[in-house]
Amino acid sequence: MALSYKKDLEKYKEIDEDEILNNLSEQELKQLETALEEMDPENALLPASMRQKDHTVKPATGPFNRDKLLSYLEKEALEYQDREDLVSFTGERKAILGVHTLVTSTQSYDGTSSKDGGYNNVIKGEKMTPVFDEPPNPTNVDDTLQRIKSNDPTLTEVNLNNIKNIPIPTLKDFAKAMERNTHVKKFSLAATRSNDPIAVAMGEMLRVNKTLQSLNLESNFITSAGASALVEALRDNDTLTEIKIDNQRQQLGTSVEMKMAKMLEENNTIVKFGYHFCQQGPRARASAAITKNNDLIRRRRVEGDL
């Protein structure tokens, strides 16, 4: 069987492929090219637009003539038969569908342009209220410092917020003067570019001052060193009820937050602590401590001690 198969193949060895291709017509060559491309294993990997051959090649019917083309298109459009409607059109269909209130664009314009009617007498624009920037802090820094040093009994609140040009030595003088002051109950230094030396000075003041109840140091340049000094000072202070040190230039870190939580657990007077904890553990401990202090004050008030 194998020998007979080989004998059948012997007659194809002497075939001249070039002669066969030369005898093929142009149409047969295109068919052969298409068959060979379909047999290509990589043909399936090509996009469909590249696999499909162009079958729209037609002989030219003549030179381009715009007028003849337009007349042909018009003739085709006129001869085209419109499709018949399944349901004949009736003008009362708007009322049947419940859209009888629809108006045309012309009617809408006539209604809006009239003086006595239309949309202009119904819709009115709201008057915009301008929002102006807040005025600068009017506090006189030098005069306030002198009043603190003289222990002015009429000065119970000091607000230096958003005053950017207070020198560091002047801020230290404020902290030093507050050590001997017995009337100021609220002191605010938010957004004054205060840094760690100011925080350390405020911590030393808190160890001595027994009158201050609220201290605000938000939005400054205090780092973990300055915050640690404040936390250590609050261990010896039993009069401050509110302190705010949030929104500093950089995060204070986990170790400082742990110190804050421990301080709040040991302190029984602070009922408001303005700081956003980044760690869940210190946050939960601080929240529980603040709740405990507020509950303690509530019980004292109920019992009549406050």
C-alpha atoms as a PDB file:
ATOM      1  CA  MET A   1       0.000   0.000   0.000  1.00  0.00           C
ATOM      2  CA  ALA A   2       2.805   2.402   0.949  1.00  0.00           C
ATOM      3  CA  LEU A   3       4.739   1.648  -2.244  1.00  0.00           C
ATOM      4  CA  SER A   4       1.725   2.357  -4.461  1.00  0.00           C
ATOM      5  CA  TYR A   5       1.203   5.693  -2.654  1.00  0.00           C
ATOM      6  CA  LYS A   6       4.788   6.703  -3.339  1.00  0.00           C
ATOM      7  CA  LYS A   7       4.448   5.749  -6.980  1.00  0.00           C
ATOM      8  CA  ASP A   8       1.460   8.092  -7.293  1.00  0.00           C
ATOM      9  CA  LEU A   9       3.539  10.974  -5.915  1.00  0.00           C
ATOM     10  CA  GLU A  10       6.380  10.434  -8.362  1.00  0.00           C
ATOM     11  CA  LYS A  11       4.409  11.905 -11.240  1.00  0.00           C
ATOM     12  CA  TYR A  12       4.058  15.279  -9.414  1.00  0.00           C
ATOM     13  CA  LYS A  13       7.811  15.841  -9.032  1.00  0.00           C
ATOM     14  CA  GLU A  14       8.274  16.935 -12.627  1.00  0.00           C
ATOM     15  CA  ILE A  15       5.486  19.562 -12.533  1.00  0.00           C
ATOM     16  CA  ASP A  16       6.588  23.122 -13.311  1.00  0.00           C
ATOM     17  CA  GLU A  17       4.742  25.490 -10.916  1.00  0.00           C
ATOM     18  CA  ASP A  18       5.734  28.596 -12.836  1.00  0.00           C
ATOM     19  CA  GLU A  19       4.151  27.269 -15.992  1.00  0.00           C
ATOM     20  CA  ILE A  20       0.908  26.563 -14.163  1.00  0.00           C
ATOM     21  CA  LEU A  21       0.814  30.072 -12.703  1.00  0.00           C
ATOM     22  CA  ASN A  22       1.512  31.651 -16.071  1.00  0.00           C
ATOM     23  CA  ASN A  23      -1.450  29.847 -17.572  1.00  0.00           C
ATOM     24  CA  LEU A  24      -3.884  31.108 -14.909  1.00  0.00           C
ATOM     25  CA  SER A  25      -6.172  34.019 -15.657  1.00  0.00           C
ATOM     26  CA  GLU A  26      -6.348  37.142 -13.523  1.00  0.00           C
ATOM     27  CA  GLN A  27      -9.544  35.980 -11.832  1.00  0.00           C
ATOM     28  CA  GLU A  28      -8.031  32.570 -11.067  1.00  0.00           C
ATOM     29  CA  LEU A  29      -4.939  34.219  -9.566  1.00  0.00           C
ATOM     30  CA  LYS A  30      -7.142  36.287  -7.242  1.00  0.00           C
ATOM     31  CA  GLN A  31      -9.013  33.163  -6.168  1.00  0.00           C
ATOM     32  CA  LEU A  32      -5.709  31.410  -5.472  1.00  0.00           C
ATOM     33  CA  GLU A  33      -4.465  34.380  -3.440  1.00  0.00           C
ATOM     34  CA  THR A  34      -7.655  34.394  -1.370  1.00  0.00           C
ATOM     35  CA  ALA A  35      -7.400  30.648  -0.711  1.00  0.00           C
ATOM     36  CA  LEU A  36      -3.757  30.915   0.380  1.00  0.00           C
ATOM     37  CA  GLU A  37      -4.547  33.799   2.771  1.00  0.00           C
ATOM     38  CA  GLU A  38      -7.378  31.823   4.356  1.00  0.00           C
ATOM     39  CA  MET A  39      -4.987  28.914   4.899  1.00  0.00           C
ATOM     40  CA  ASP A  40      -2.524  31.211   6.719  1.00  0.00           C
ATOM     41  CA  PRO A  41      -2.687  30.348  10.484  1.00  0.00           C
ATOM     42  CA  GLU A  42      -1.946  33.972  11.418  1.00  0.00           C
ATOM     43  CA  ASN A  43      -4.856  35.249   9.369  1.00  0.00           C
ATOM     44  CA  ALA A  44      -7.253  34.689  12.300  1.00  0.00           C
ATOM     45  CA  LEU A  45      -5.163  37.030  14.462  1.00  0.00           C
ATOM     46  CA  LEU A  46      -5.740  39.996  12.159  1.00  0.00           C
ATOM     47  CA  PRO A  47      -8.645  42.429  12.658  1.00  0.00           C
ATOM     48  CA  ALA A  48     -11.768  41.745  10.655  1.00  0.00           C
ATOM     49  CA  SER A  49     -11.210  44.878   8.571  1.00  0.00           C
ATOM     50  CA  MET A  50      -7.856  43.508   7.385  1.00  0.00           C
ATOM     51  CA  ARG A  51      -9.049  39.939   6.787  1.00  0.00           C
ATOM     52  CA  GLN A  52     -11.923  40.968   4.541  1.00  0.00           C
ATOM     53  CA  LYS A  53     -10.999  41.774   0.944  1.00  0.00           C
ATOM     54  CA  ASP A  54     -12.373  44.728  -0.951  1.00  0.00           C
ATOM     55  CA  HIS A  55     -15.270  43.544  -3.143  1.00  0.00           C
ATOM     56  CA  THR A  56     -16.397  46.992  -4.313  1.00  0.00           C
ATOM     57  CA  VAL A  57     -14.015  47.387  -7.216  1.00  0.00           C
ATOM     58  CA  LYS A  58     -16.071  48.371 -10.251  1.00  0.00           C
ATOM     59  CA  PRO A  59     -15.184  49.832 -13.616  1.00  0.00           C
ATOM     60  CA  ALA A  60     -15.632  53.575 -13.939  1.00  0.00           C
ATOM     61  CA  THR A  61     -18.857  54.641 -15.656  1.00  0.00           C
ATOM     62  CA  GLY A  62     -17.456  57.982 -16.761  1.00  0.00           C
ATOM     63  CA  PRO A  63     -15.999  61.262 -15.520  1.00  0.00           C
ATOM     64  CA  PHE A  64     -17.493  62.981 -12.451  1.00  0.00           C
ATOM     65  CA  ASN A  65     -20.406  65.286 -13.239  1.00  0.00           C
ATOM     66  CA  ARG A  66     -21.983  67.073 -10.283  1.00  0.00           C
ATOM     67  CA  ASP A  67     -25.146  68.192 -12.087  1.00  0.00           C
ATOM     68  CA  LYS A  68     -25.906  64.690 -13.345  1.00  0.00           C
ATOM     69  CA  LEU A  69     -25.326  63.268  -9.870  1.00  0.00           C
ATOM     70  CA  LEU A  70     -27.728  65.770  -8.270  1.00  0.00           C
ATOM     71  CA  SER A  71     -30.400  65.147 -10.872  1.00  0.00           C
ATOM     72  CA  TYR A  72     -30.047  61.400 -10.369  1.00  0.00           C
ATOM     73  CA  LEU A  73     -30.427  61.746  -6.586  1.00  0.00           C
ATOM     74  CA  GLU A  74     -33.492  63.967  -6.977  1.00  0.00           C
ATOM     75  CA  LYS A  75     -35.041  61.486  -9.385  1.00  0.00           C
ATOM     76  CA  GLU A  76     -34.414  58.596  -6.998  1.00  0.00           C
ATOM     77  CA  ALA A  77     -35.919  60.562  -4.095  1.00  0.00           C
ATOM     78  CA  LEU A  78     -39.068  61.414  -6.049  1.00  0.00           C
ATOM     79  CA  GLU A  79     -39.552  57.870  -7.251  1.00  0.00           C
ATOM     80  CA  TYR A  80     -39.100  56.384  -3.795  1.00  0.00           C
ATOM     81  CA  GLN A  81     -42.404  55.237  -2.345  1.00  0.00           C
ATOM     82  CA  ASP A  82     -43.038  56.153   1.292  1.00  0.00           C
ATOM     83  CA  ARG A  83     -43.980  53.365   3.636  1.00  0.00           C
ATOM     84  CA  GLU A  84     -47.649  53.352   4.493  1.00  0.00           C
ATOM     85  CA  ASP A  85     -48.583  54.073   8.113  1.00  0.00           C
ATOM     86  CA  LEU A  86     -50.152  51.202   9.991  1.00  0.00           C
ATOM     87  CA  VAL A  87     -52.472  53.717  11.676  1.00  0.00           C
ATOM     88  CA  SER A  88     -53.607  56.740   9.747  1.00  0.00           C
ATOM     89  CA  PHE A  89     -52.610  60.125  11.163  1.00  0.00           C
ATOM     90  CA  THR A  90     -55.292  62.162  12.930  1.00  0.00           C
ATOM     91  CA  GLY A  91     -54.920  65.668  14.288  1.00  0.00           C
ATOM     92  CA  GLU A  92     -56.838  64.868  17.494  1.00  0.00           C
ATOM     93  CA  ARG A  93     -54.249  62.352  18.672  1.00  0.00           C
ATOM     94  CA  LYS A  94     -52.742  64.911  21.057  1.00  0.00           C
ATOM     95  CA  ALA A  95     -55.946  65.018  23.068  1.00  0.00           C
ATOM     96  CA  ILE A  96     -56.197  61.218  23.092  1.00  0.00           C
ATOM     97  CA  LEU A  97     -52.653  60.886  24.417  1.00  0.00           C
ATOM     98  CA  GLY A  98     -53.170  63.609  27.011  1.00  0.00           C
ATOM     99  CA  VAL A  99     -50.576  65.953  25.528  1.00  0.00           C
ATOM    100  CA  HIS A 100     -52.967  68.558  24.229  1.00  0.00           C
ATOM    101  CA  THR A 101     -51.057  71.235  26.139  1.00  0.00           C
ATOM    102  CA  LEU A 102     -48.083  70.945  23.777  1.00  0.00           C
ATOM    103  CA  VAL A 103     -47.343  74.148  21.917  1.00  0.00           C
ATOM    104  CA  THR A 104     -45.119  74.910  19.001  1.00  0.00           C
ATOM    105  CA  SER A 105     -41.961  76.964  19.257  1.00  0.00           C
ATOM    106  CA  THR A 106     -43.755  79.922  17.686  1.00  0.00           C
ATOM    107  CA  GLN A 107     -46.569  79.768  20.234  1.00  0.00           C
ATOM    108  CA  SER A 108     -44.051  79.438  23.062  1.00  0.00           C
ATOM    109  CA  TYR A 109     -42.182  82.530  21.880  1.00  0.00           C
ATOM    110  CA  ASP A 110     -45.403  84.512  21.559  1.00  0.00           C
ATOM    111  CA  GLY A 111     -46.333  83.578  25.134  1.00  0.00           C
ATOM    112  CA  THR A 112     -43.004  84.497  26.655  1.00  0.00           C
ATOM    113  CA  SER A 113     -42.688  87.757  24.736  1.00  0.00           C
ATOM    114  CA  SER A 114     -46.063  89.148  25.823  1.00  0.00           C
ATOM    115  CA  LYS A 115     -46.190  91.756  28.559  1.00  0.00           C
ATOM    116  CA  ASP A 116     -49.158  90.426  30.513  1.00  0.00           C
ATOM    117  CA  GLY A 117     -48.423  86.710  30.382  1.00  0.00           C
ATOM    118  CA  GLY A 118     -45.834  84.073  29.723  1.00  0.00           C
ATOM    119  CA  TYR A 119     -42.940  82.851  31.783  1.00  0.00           C
ATOM    120  CA  ASN A 120     -41.399  86.230  32.524  1.00  0.00           C
ATOM    121  CA  ASN A 121     -44.005  87.113  35.149  1.00  0.00           C
ATOM    122  CA  VAL A 122     -43.668  83.731  36.900  1.00  0.00           C
ATOM    123  CA  ILE A 123     -39.955  83.011  37.053  1.00  0.00           C
ATOM    124  CA  LYS A 124     -37.828  85.594  38.816  1.00  0.00           C
ATOM    125  CA  GLY A 125     -34.102  85.518  39.362  1.00  0.00           C
ATOM    126  CA  GLU A 126     -32.933  85.386  42.953  1.00  0.00           C
ATOM    127  CA  LYS A 127     -30.886  88.306  44.124  1.00  0.00           C
ATOM    128  CA  MET A 128     -27.360  87.246  44.921  1.00  0.00           C
ATOM    129  CA  THR A 129     -26.071  88.290  48.316  1.00  0.00           C
ATOM    130  CA  PRO A 130     -22.371  89.147  48.085  1.00  0.00           C
ATOM    131  CA  VAL A 131     -20.114  87.523  50.659  1.00  0.00           C
ATOM    132  CA  PHE A 132     -17.206  89.731  51.607  1.00  0.00           C
ATOM    133  CA  ASP A 133     -13.948  88.653  53.191  1.00  0.00           C
ATOM    134  CA  GLU A 134     -13.753  88.892  56.941  1.00  0.00           C
ATOM    135  CA  PRO A 135     -12.043  92.050  58.173  1.00  0.00           C
ATOM    136  CA  PRO A 136      -8.603  91.692  59.749  1.00  0.00           C
ATOM    137  CA  ASN A 137      -8.312  91.108  63.469  1.00  0.00           C
ATOM    138  CA  PRO A 138      -8.652  94.551  65.103  1.00  0.00           C
ATOM    139  CA  THR A 139      -6.836  93.546  68.304  1.00  0.00           C
ATOM    140  CA  ASN A 140      -4.035  95.911  69.306  1.00  0.00           C
ATOM    141  CA  VAL A 141      -1.170  93.555  70.155  1.00  0.00           C
ATOM    142  CA  ASP A 142       0.960  95.962  72.205  1.00  0.00           C
ATOM    143  CA  ASP A 143      -1.990  97.373  74.147  1.00  0.00           C
ATOM    144  CA  THR A 144      -3.309  93.876  74.911  1.00  0.00           C
ATOM    145  CA  LEU A 145       0.119  92.764  76.157  1.00  0.00           C
ATOM    146  CA  GLN A 146       0.320  95.733  78.522  1.00  0.00           C
ATOM    147  CA  ARG A 147      -3.163  95.040  79.864  1.00  0.00           C
ATOM    148  CA  ILE A 148      -2.217  91.413  80.548  1.00  0.00           C
ATOM    149  CA  LYS A 149       0.955  92.505  82.362  1.00  0.00           C
ATOM    150  CA  SER A 150      -1.018  95.010  84.445  1.00  0.00           C
ATOM    151  CA  ASN A 151      -3.598  92.309  85.268  1.00  0.00           C
ATOM    152  CA  ASP A 152      -6.507  94.381  83.945  1.00  0.00           C
ATOM    153  CA  PRO A 153      -9.700  92.960  85.550  1.00  0.00           C
ATOM    154  CA  THR A 154     -11.817  93.973  82.511  1.00  0.00           C
ATOM    155  CA  LEU A 155      -9.742  91.817  80.152  1.00  0.00           C
ATOM    156  CA  THR A 156     -11.108  88.271  80.308  1.00  0.00           C
ATOM    157  CA  GLU A 157     -10.642  87.161  76.689  1.00  0.00           C
ATOM    158  CA  VAL A 158      -7.629  87.598  74.381  1.00  0.00           C
ATOM    159  CA  ASN A 159      -8.091  86.946  70.654  1.00  0.00           C
ATOM    160  CA  LEU A 160      -4.951  87.129  68.499  1.00  0.00           C
ATOM    161  CA  ASN A 161      -6.240  84.843  65.736  1.00  0.00           C
ATOM    162  CA  ASN A 162      -4.943  85.328  62.172  1.00  0.00           C
ATOM    163  CA  ILE A 163      -2.408  88.018  63.075  1.00  0.00           C
ATOM    164  CA  LYS A 164       0.568  86.800  61.063  1.00  0.00           C
ATOM    165  CA  ASN A 165       3.135  89.475  61.915  1.00  0.00           C
ATOM    166  CA  ILE A 166       3.485  88.980  65.680  1.00  0.00           C
ATOM    167  CA  PRO A 167       7.197  88.379  66.436  1.00  0.00           C
ATOM    168  CA  ILE A 168       8.196  85.227  68.321  1.00  0.00           C
ATOM    169  CA  PRO A 169       9.643  87.218  71.279  1.00  0.00           C
ATOM    170  CA  THR A 170       6.326  89.062  71.615  1.00  0.00           C
ATOM    171  CA  LEU A 171       4.401  85.784  71.727  1.00  0.00           C
ATOM    172  CA  LYS A 172       6.784  84.551  74.430  1.00  0.00           C
ATOM    173  CA  ASP A 173       6.085  87.758  76.362  1.00  0.00           C
ATOM    174  CA  PHE A 174       2.370  86.953  76.188  1.00  0.00           C
ATOM    175  CA  ALA A 175       3.013  83.512  77.674  1.00  0.00           C
ATOM    176  CA  LYS A 176       5.238  84.993  80.395  1.00  0.00           C
ATOM    177  CA  ALA A 177       2.681  87.670  81.261  1.00  0.00           C
ATOM    178  CA  MET A 178      -0.098  85.075  81.469  1.00  0.00           C
ATOM    179  CA  GLU A 179       1.762  83.300  84.286  1.00  0.00           C
ATOM    180  CA  ARG A 180       0.870  86.122  86.696  1.00  0.00           C
ATOM    181  CA  ASN A 181      -2.508  87.090  85.225  1.00  0.00           C
ATOM    182  CA  THR A 182      -5.590  86.152  87.236  1.00  0.00           C
ATOM    183  CA  HIS A 183      -8.411  87.480  85.033  1.00  0.00           C
ATOM    184  CA  VAL A 184      -7.972  86.171  81.466  1.00  0.00           C
ATOM    185  CA  LYS A 185     -10.063  83.025  81.037  1.00  0.00           C
ATOM    186  CA  LYS A 186      -9.829  82.537  77.269  1.00  0.00           C
ATOM    187  CA  PHE A 187      -6.640  82.881  75.215  1.00  0.00           C
ATOM    188  CA  SER A 188      -6.573  82.240  71.440  1.00  0.00           C
ATOM    189  CA  LEU A 189      -3.500  82.089  69.184  1.00  0.00           C
ATOM    190  CA  ALA A 190      -4.920  80.331  66.091  1.00  0.00           C
ATOM    191  CA  ALA A 191      -3.106  80.900  62.776  1.00  0.00           C
ATOM    192  CA  THR A 192      -0.370  83.123  64.210  1.00  0.00           C
ATOM    193  CA  ARG A 193       2.602  81.070  62.887  1.00  0.00           C
ATOM    194  CA  SER A 194       3.378  79.898  66.410  1.00  0.00           C
ATOM    195  CA  ASN A 195       6.033  77.180  66.612  1.00  0.00           C
ATOM    196  CA  ASP A 196       7.546  74.836  69.201  1.00  0.00           C
ATOM    197  CA  PRO A 197       9.193  77.555  71.376  1.00  0.00           C
ATOM    198  CA  ILE A 198       5.776  79.186  71.759  1.00  0.00           C
ATOM    199  CA  ALA A 199       4.216  75.830  72.660  1.00  0.00           C
ATOM    200  CA  VAL A 200       6.924  75.237  75.293  1.00  0.00           C
ATOM    201  CA  ALA A 201       6.333  78.722  76.730  1.00  0.00           C
ATOM    202  CA  MET A 202       2.594  78.074  76.853  1.00  0.00           C
ATOM    203  CA  GLY A 203       3.266  74.776  78.619  1.00  0.00           C
ATOM    204  CA  GLU A 204       5.315  76.549  81.301  1.00  0.00           C
ATOM    205  CA  MET A 205       2.494  79.071  81.665  1.00  0.00           C
ATOM    206  CA  LEU A 206      -0.084  76.308  82.169  1.00  0.00           C
ATOM    207  CA  ARG A 207       1.929  74.896  85.072  1.00  0.00           C
ATOM    208  CA  VAL A 208       1.597  78.222  86.926  1.00  0.00           C
ATOM    209  CA  ASN A 209      -1.646  79.832  85.737  1.00  0.00           C
ATOM    210  CA  LYS A 210      -4.734  78.738  87.680  1.00  0.00           C
ATOM    211  CA  THR A 211      -7.290  80.997  85.970  1.00  0.00           C
ATOM    212  CA  LEU A 212      -7.163  80.205  82.252  1.00  0.00           C
ATOM    213  CA  GLN A 213      -9.992  77.920  81.102  1.00  0.00           C
ATOM    214  CA  SER A 214      -9.631  77.851  77.290  1.00  0.00           C
ATOM    215  CA  LEU A 215      -6.511  77.788  75.089  1.00  0.00           C
ATOM    216  CA  ASN A 216      -6.569  77.726  71.257  1.00  0.00           C
ATOM    217  CA  LEU A 217      -3.367  76.948  69.311  1.00  0.00           C
ATOM    218  CA  GLU A 218      -4.900  75.593  66.091  1.00  0.00           C
ATOM    219  CA  SER A 219      -3.458  76.055  62.579  1.00  0.00           C
ATOM    220  CA  ASN A 220       0.145  76.720  63.571  1.00  0.00           C
ATOM    221  CA  PHE A 221       3.601  75.194  63.071  1.00  0.00           C
ATOM    222  CA  ILE A 222       3.736  73.139  66.273  1.00  0.00           C
ATOM    223  CA  THR A 223       5.430  69.743  65.937  1.00  0.00           C
ATOM    224  CA  SER A 224       5.520  66.688  68.184  1.00  0.00           C
ATOM    225  CA  ALA A 225       8.083  68.298  70.520  1.00  0.00           C
ATOM    226  CA  GLY A 226       5.880  71.317  71.236  1.00  0.00           C
ATOM    227  CA  ALA A 227       2.750  69.198  71.584  1.00  0.00           C
ATOM    228  CA  SER A 228       4.531  66.900  74.058  1.00  0.00           C
ATOM    229  CA  ALA A 229       5.477  69.931  76.171  1.00  0.00           C
ATOM    230  CA  LEU A 230       1.833  71.025  76.292  1.00  0.00           C
ATOM    231  CA  VAL A 231       0.642  67.532  77.195  1.00  0.00           C
ATOM    232  CA  GLU A 232       3.180  67.218  80.027  1.00  0.00           C
ATOM    233  CA  ALA A 233       2.158  70.619  81.400  1.00  0.00           C
ATOM    234  CA  LEU A 234      -1.521  69.672  81.450  1.00  0.00           C
ATOM    235  CA  ARG A 235      -0.759  66.930  83.967  1.00  0.00           C
ATOM    236  CA  ASP A 236      -0.143  69.676  86.548  1.00  0.00           C
ATOM    237  CA  ASN A 237      -3.094  71.870  85.521  1.00  0.00           C
ATOM    238  CA  ASP A 238      -6.558  71.419  87.037  1.00  0.00           C
ATOM    239  CA  THR A 239      -8.326  74.564  85.780  1.00  0.00           C
ATOM    240  CA  LEU A 240      -8.139  74.347  81.973  1.00  0.00           C
ATOM    241  CA  THR A 241     -11.363  72.905  80.505  1.00  0.00           C
ATOM    242  CA  GLU A 242     -10.763  73.374  76.765  1.00  0.00           C
ATOM    243  CA  ILE A 243      -7.673  73.154  74.542  1.00  0.00           C
ATOM    244  CA  LYS A 244      -7.406  73.119  70.739  1.00  0.00           C
ATOM    245  CA  ILE A 245      -4.219  72.051  68.926  1.00  0.00           C
ATOM    246  CA  ASP A 246      -5.569  70.593  65.669  1.00  0.00           C
ATOM    247  CA  ASN A 247      -4.566  71.393  62.056  1.00  0.00           C
ATOM    248  CA  GLN A 248      -0.823  71.795  62.538  1.00  0.00           C
ATOM    249  CA  ARG A 249       1.687  72.002  59.695  1.00  0.00           C
ATOM    250  CA  GLN A 250       2.591  68.313  60.097  1.00  0.00           C
ATOM    251  CA  GLN A 251       1.149  65.294  61.865  1.00  0.00           C
ATOM    252  CA  LEU A 252       2.134  64.889  65.495  1.00  0.00           C
ATOM    253  CA  GLY A 253       2.659  61.130  65.355  1.00  0.00           C
ATOM    254  CA  THR A 254       1.422  58.058  67.181  1.00  0.00           C
ATOM    255  CA  SER A 255       3.596  58.509  70.297  1.00  0.00           C
ATOM    256  CA  VAL A 256       2.227  62.009  70.918  1.00  0.00           C
ATOM    257  CA  GLU A 257      -1.341  60.789  70.423  1.00  0.00           C
ATOM    258  CA  MET A 258      -0.745  58.052  73.001  1.00  0.00           C
ATOM    259  CA  LYS A 259       0.535  60.704  75.454  1.00  0.00           C
ATOM    260  CA  MET A 260      -2.579  62.793  74.786  1.00  0.00           C
ATOM    261  CA  ALA A 261      -4.871  59.859  75.487  1.00  0.00           C
ATOM    262  CA  LYS A 262      -3.032  59.006  78.715  1.00  0.00           C
ATOM    263  CA  MET A 263      -3.116  62.645  79.861  1.00  0.00           C
ATOM    264  CA  LEU A 264      -6.863  62.888  79.229  1.00  0.00           C
ATOM    265  CA  GLU A 265      -7.430  59.711  81.239  1.00  0.00           C
ATOM    266  CA  GLU A 266      -5.552  61.243  84.192  1.00  0.00           C
ATOM    267  CA  ASN A 267      -7.062  64.749  83.850  1.00  0.00           C
ATOM    268  CA  ASN A 268     -10.550  65.313  85.307  1.00  0.00           C
ATOM    269  CA  THR A 269     -11.173  68.900  84.154  1.00  0.00           C
ATOM    270  CA  ILE A 270     -10.744  68.942  80.360  1.00  0.00           C
ATOM    271  CA  VAL A 271     -14.152  68.513  78.699  1.00  0.00           C
ATOM    272  CA  LYS A 272     -13.258  69.760  75.184  1.00  0.00           C
ATOM    273  CA  PHE A 273     -10.140  68.572  73.365  1.00  0.00           C
ATOM    274  CA  GLY A 274      -9.758  69.943  69.836  1.00  0.00           C
ATOM    275  CA  TYR A 275      -7.610  67.453  67.955  1.00  0.00           C
ATOM    276  CA  HIS A 276      -8.301  64.910  65.197  1.00  0.00           C
ATOM    277  CA  PHE A 277      -6.632  61.637  66.127  1.00  0.00           C
ATOM    278  CA  CYS A 278      -5.132  59.665  63.238  1.00  0.00           C
ATOM    279  CA  GLN A 279      -4.919  56.389  65.190  1.00  0.00           C
ATOM    280  CA  GLN A 280      -8.018  54.508  66.298  1.00  0.00           C
ATOM    281  CA  GLY A 281      -6.651  53.379  69.677  1.00  0.00           C
ATOM    282  CA  PRO A 282      -5.803  56.827  71.099  1.00  0.00           C
ATOM    283  CA  ARG A 283      -9.003  58.217  69.583  1.00  0.00           C
ATOM    284  CA  ALA A 284     -11.175  55.715  71.448  1.00  0.00           C
ATOM    285  CA  ARG A 285      -9.328  56.261  74.742  1.00  0.00           C
ATOM    286  CA  ALA A 286      -9.562  60.060  74.410  1.00  0.00           C
ATOM    287  CA  SER A 287     -13.263  59.918  73.576  1.00  0.00           C
ATOM    288  CA  ALA A 288     -13.953  57.759  76.620  1.00  0.00           C
ATOM    289  CA  ALA A 289     -11.950  60.110  78.861  1.00  0.00           C
ATOM    290  CA  ILE A 290     -13.773  63.222  77.598  1.00  0.00           C
ATOM    291  CA  THR A 291     -17.122  61.486  78.106  1.00  0.00           C
ATOM    292  CA  LYS A 292     -16.094  60.561  81.648  1.00  0.00           C
ATOM    293  CA  ASN A 293     -15.132  64.173  82.470  1.00  0.00           C
ATOM    294  CA  ASN A 294     -18.400  65.554  81.088  1.00  0.00           C
ATOM    295  CA  ASP A 295     -20.374  62.995  83.064  1.00  0.00           C
ATOM    296  CA  LEU A 296     -18.447  63.937  86.203  1.00  0.00           C
ATOM    297  CA  ILE A 297     -19.352  67.605  85.747  1.00  0.00           C
ATOM    298  CA  ARG A 298     -22.988  66.664  85.144  1.00  0.00           C
ATOM    299  CA  ARG A 299     -23.128  64.682  88.390  1.00  0.00           C
ATOM    300  CA  ARG A 300     -21.550  67.546  90.307  1.00  0.00           C
ATOM    301  CA  ARG A 301     -24.099  69.951  88.870  1.00  0.00           C
ATOM    302  CA  VAL A 302     -26.960  67.641  89.813  1.00  0.00           C
ATOM    303  CA  GLU A 303     -25.609  67.254  93.335  1.00  0.00           C
ATOM    304  CA  GLY A 304     -25.280  71.036  93.681  1.00  0.00           C
ATOM    305  CA  ASP A 305     -21.510  71.304  93.894  1.00  0.00           C
ATOM    306  CA  LEU A 306     -21.328  73.501  90.773  1.00  0.00           C
END
